[in-house]
Amino acid sequence: MKIYVGNLSYNTTQATLEEQFGAYGQVEEVAIINDRETGRPRGFAFVTMANNEAGQQAIEAINGLELDGRTLTVNEARPKPAGGGGRRGGGGGGRW
């Protein structure tokens, strides 16, 4: 089960998240998402748990928990929309 973890402190590490979620079952992967341009954390992560039951227990226990001074938002990750691509449309404006 893939879990979204939001409102993370920029100081939260993968090891910290592994420890928190590991209390509820086997953690397969922790991915803290970084900004492409700056390389700094964007304040959210995805945690993949080995099974759905452990994932549900972790969500219920950790959602609303304070970690590194921030109250976490934790829920099941939604799948990416089909075919959307990762680029924003449009282009810059400019003066005429």
Protein backbone atom coordinates (compact mmCIF):
# COMPACT_ATOMS: atom_id res chain seq x y z
CA MET A 1 0.00 0.00 0.00
CA LYS A 2 1.33 3.43 -0.96
CA ILE A 3 0.75 6.19 1.61
CA TYR A 4 0.94 9.96 1.20
CA VAL A 5 2.55 11.86 4.09
CA GLY A 6 2.05 15.62 3.97
CA ASN A 7 3.00 18.68 6.01
CA LEU A 8 6.48 17.30 6.70
CA SER A 9 9.15 19.39 8.32
CA TYR A 10 12.09 20.03 6.03
CA ASN A 11 14.21 18.39 8.76
CA THR A 12 12.37 15.05 8.64
CA THR A 13 14.54 12.25 7.23
CA GLN A 14 13.83 8.95 5.53
CA ALA A 15 15.11 7.15 8.63
CA THR A 16 12.63 9.03 10.84
CA LEU A 17 9.71 8.08 8.59
CA GLU A 18 10.89 4.47 8.37
CA GLU A 19 10.96 4.29 12.15
CA GLN A 20 7.49 5.82 12.54
CA PHE A 21 5.82 3.61 9.94
CA GLY A 22 7.90 0.53 10.78
CA ALA A 23 6.12 0.31 14.13
CA TYR A 24 3.03 -0.86 12.18
CA GLY A 25 4.59 -3.28 9.69
CA GLN A 26 7.25 -3.74 7.05
CA VAL A 27 8.21 -0.57 5.18
CA GLU A 28 9.26 -1.29 1.59
CA GLU A 29 10.18 2.24 0.52
CA VAL A 30 10.28 5.83 1.77
CA ALA A 31 10.51 8.60 -0.83
CA ILE A 32 10.80 12.19 0.38
CA ILE A 33 9.98 14.38 -2.61
CA ASN A 34 12.48 17.12 -3.46
CA ASP A 35 12.12 20.19 -5.65
CA ARG A 36 13.76 19.58 -9.05
CA GLU A 37 15.37 23.00 -9.23
CA THR A 38 16.55 23.57 -5.65
CA GLY A 39 16.94 19.97 -4.47
CA ARG A 40 15.27 20.91 -1.18
CA PRO A 41 12.40 18.87 0.28
CA ARG A 42 8.91 19.91 -0.82
CA GLY A 43 7.26 18.94 2.48
CA PHE A 44 5.73 15.61 1.52
CA ALA A 45 6.69 11.99 1.04
CA PHE A 46 5.36 8.61 -0.01
CA VAL A 47 5.75 5.52 2.15
CA THR A 48 5.11 2.06 0.71
CA MET A 49 4.05 -0.59 3.22
CA ALA A 50 4.28 -4.32 2.54
CA ASN A 51 0.56 -4.93 3.00
CA ASN A 52 -2.74 -3.06 3.19
CA GLU A 53 -3.54 -4.00 6.78
CA ALA A 54 -0.25 -2.54 8.08
CA GLY A 55 -0.79 0.50 5.87
CA GLN A 56 -4.28 1.15 7.27
CA GLN A 57 -3.02 0.80 10.84
CA ALA A 58 -0.20 3.25 10.13
CA ILE A 59 -2.57 5.78 8.52
CA GLU A 60 -4.96 5.66 11.48
CA ALA A 61 -2.16 5.96 14.04
CA ILE A 62 0.06 8.57 12.37
CA ASN A 63 -2.47 10.93 10.75
CA GLY A 64 -2.60 14.04 12.96
CA LEU A 65 0.58 13.05 14.85
CA GLU A 66 3.13 15.78 15.49
CA LEU A 67 6.57 14.99 14.08
CA ASP A 68 9.51 17.42 14.06
CA GLY A 69 7.16 20.25 15.05
CA ARG A 70 4.58 19.66 12.28
CA THR A 71 1.18 17.94 12.38
CA LEU A 72 1.22 15.23 9.71
CA THR A 73 -1.47 14.60 7.12
CA VAL A 74 -1.43 10.90 6.26
CA ASN A 75 -3.73 9.04 3.86
CA GLU A 76 -3.72 6.45 1.11
CA ALA A 77 -1.95 7.81 -1.96
CA ARG A 78 -4.14 8.44 -4.99
CA PRO A 79 -2.94 7.05 -8.31
CA LYS A 80 -1.52 9.49 -10.84
CA PRO A 81 -4.08 10.69 -13.39
CA ALA A 82 -3.80 8.77 -16.66
CA GLY A 83 -1.99 10.44 -19.54
CA GLY A 84 -1.59 13.85 -17.92
CA GLY A 85 2.16 14.11 -18.15
CA GLY A 86 4.14 16.13 -15.72
CA ARG A 87 4.43 19.44 -17.53
CA ARG A 88 2.37 22.49 -16.96
CA GLY A 89 0.72 23.87 -20.05
CA GLY A 90 0.79 27.35 -21.36
CA GLY A 91 3.76 29.50 -21.66
CA GLY A 92 4.98 32.70 -20.25
CA GLY A 93 3.20 35.85 -21.09
CA GLY A 94 5.19 38.77 -22.23
CA ARG A 95 4.54 42.29 -23.09
CA TRP A 96 3.19 43.10 -26.47
